[in-house]
Amino acid sequence: PSASATEATPQPSISASSEANGEMKLIISATRGSSNIHVVAGGKTLFQDPIFQGDTKTFSAPTSISIYLSNAGDLDLTLNGEQLAPLGARNQEIRKTFRSK
């Protein structure tokens, strides 16, 4: 028996998240300068490299995203569509974990 791929199947879990797939979405923009960033989700490194001024990176994870920023003050972060306040000063190293509610 084959099922049609076009049929919408109801999802068993309901999420209050603004993301349609229920995942967390983190956007890191190097607005004012460059920074080394390390992004981990589910125990796996998603990104570990410099991000240069003008670049934007987007990451998704189901439950939590951990980040390390070497230059927190020059980066803008958006979590699930909501702009976050700067996490630190220019050249300040920051480690932070975001968890889904």
Protein backbone atom coordinates (compact mmCIF):
# COMPACT_ATOMS: atom_id res chain seq x y z
CA PRO A 1 0.00 0.00 0.00
CA SER A 2 1.31 3.42 -0.93
CA ALA A 3 0.40 6.67 0.79
CA SER A 4 0.13 9.93 -1.08
CA ALA A 5 2.99 12.29 -0.24
CA THR A 6 0.72 15.30 -0.76
CA GLU A 7 -1.66 14.43 2.08
CA ALA A 8 -1.20 16.47 5.25
CA THR A 9 -0.87 14.23 8.27
CA PRO A 10 -1.67 15.79 11.64
CA GLN A 11 1.33 16.07 13.93
CA PRO A 12 0.95 14.43 17.34
CA SER A 13 2.81 17.17 19.22
CA ILE A 14 1.57 20.73 19.46
CA SER A 15 4.17 23.43 19.95
CA ALA A 16 3.61 26.98 21.14
CA SER A 17 6.70 28.02 19.18
CA SER A 18 6.34 30.59 16.43
CA GLU A 19 8.23 28.24 14.11
CA ALA A 20 5.93 26.03 12.09
CA ASN A 21 8.12 22.94 12.55
CA GLY A 22 8.45 23.45 16.31
CA GLU A 23 12.20 23.97 16.09
CA MET A 24 14.20 26.80 17.59
CA LYS A 25 15.71 29.12 15.01
CA LEU A 26 18.75 31.26 15.85
CA ILE A 27 20.11 33.87 13.45
CA ILE A 28 23.54 35.37 14.10
CA SER A 29 24.42 38.52 12.14
CA ALA A 30 27.89 40.07 12.21
CA THR A 31 26.51 43.59 12.02
CA ARG A 32 29.30 45.67 13.55
CA GLY A 33 32.35 43.42 13.17
CA SER A 34 33.70 39.89 12.86
CA SER A 35 33.75 37.17 15.53
CA ASN A 36 34.66 33.55 16.03
CA ILE A 37 31.51 31.58 16.76
CA HIS A 38 30.90 28.01 17.86
CA VAL A 39 27.35 26.69 17.70
CA VAL A 40 26.36 23.32 19.22
CA ALA A 41 22.95 21.62 19.14
CA GLY A 42 22.14 18.12 20.32
CA GLY A 43 25.78 17.51 21.19
CA LYS A 44 26.87 18.19 17.60
CA THR A 45 28.87 21.15 16.35
CA LEU A 46 26.79 22.98 13.74
CA PHE A 47 29.36 25.69 13.03
CA GLN A 48 32.82 26.54 14.35
CA ASP A 49 34.47 29.26 12.28
CA PRO A 50 34.80 33.01 12.00
CA ILE A 51 31.79 35.01 10.89
CA PHE A 52 32.77 38.19 9.08
CA GLN A 53 31.15 41.61 9.19
CA GLY A 54 28.12 41.60 6.90
CA ASP A 55 27.61 37.81 7.15
CA THR A 56 24.53 36.13 8.62
CA LYS A 57 24.24 32.50 9.71
CA THR A 58 21.03 30.65 10.59
CA PHE A 59 20.82 27.61 12.85
CA SER A 60 17.92 25.36 13.86
CA ALA A 61 17.60 22.81 16.65
CA PRO A 62 14.70 21.00 18.31
CA THR A 63 15.36 21.78 22.00
CA SER A 64 18.54 23.78 22.68
CA ILE A 65 21.32 25.72 20.99
CA SER A 66 24.60 26.50 22.76
CA ILE A 67 26.83 29.26 21.45
CA TYR A 68 30.29 30.67 22.05
CA LEU A 69 31.02 34.16 20.71
CA SER A 70 34.51 35.74 20.81
CA ASN A 71 33.17 39.23 20.06
CA ALA A 72 29.61 39.36 21.40
CA GLY A 73 29.19 43.14 21.10
CA ASP A 74 29.51 43.18 17.30
CA LEU A 75 26.87 40.50 16.69
CA ASP A 76 23.09 40.72 16.49
CA LEU A 77 21.13 37.61 17.48
CA THR A 78 17.55 36.79 16.62
CA LEU A 79 15.84 33.84 18.33
CA ASN A 80 12.56 32.59 16.83
CA GLY A 81 12.01 35.93 15.14
CA GLU A 82 12.71 38.02 18.27
CA GLN A 83 15.74 40.32 18.26
CA LEU A 84 17.82 39.76 21.40
CA ALA A 85 19.66 42.46 23.35
CA PRO A 86 23.44 42.33 22.81
CA LEU A 87 24.87 39.46 24.86
CA GLY A 88 28.06 41.33 25.74
CA ALA A 89 30.49 44.10 24.90
CA ARG A 90 32.85 44.37 21.93
CA ASN A 91 35.60 41.71 22.20
CA GLN A 92 33.81 40.10 25.16
CA GLU A 93 33.70 36.30 25.09
CA ILE A 94 30.26 34.88 25.85
CA ARG A 95 28.92 31.35 26.23
CA LYS A 96 25.16 30.92 26.35
CA THR A 97 22.58 28.17 25.90
CA PHE A 98 19.10 28.86 24.58
CA ARG A 99 16.39 26.29 25.40
CA SER A 100 12.96 25.92 23.89
CA LYS A 101 10.14 26.71 26.28
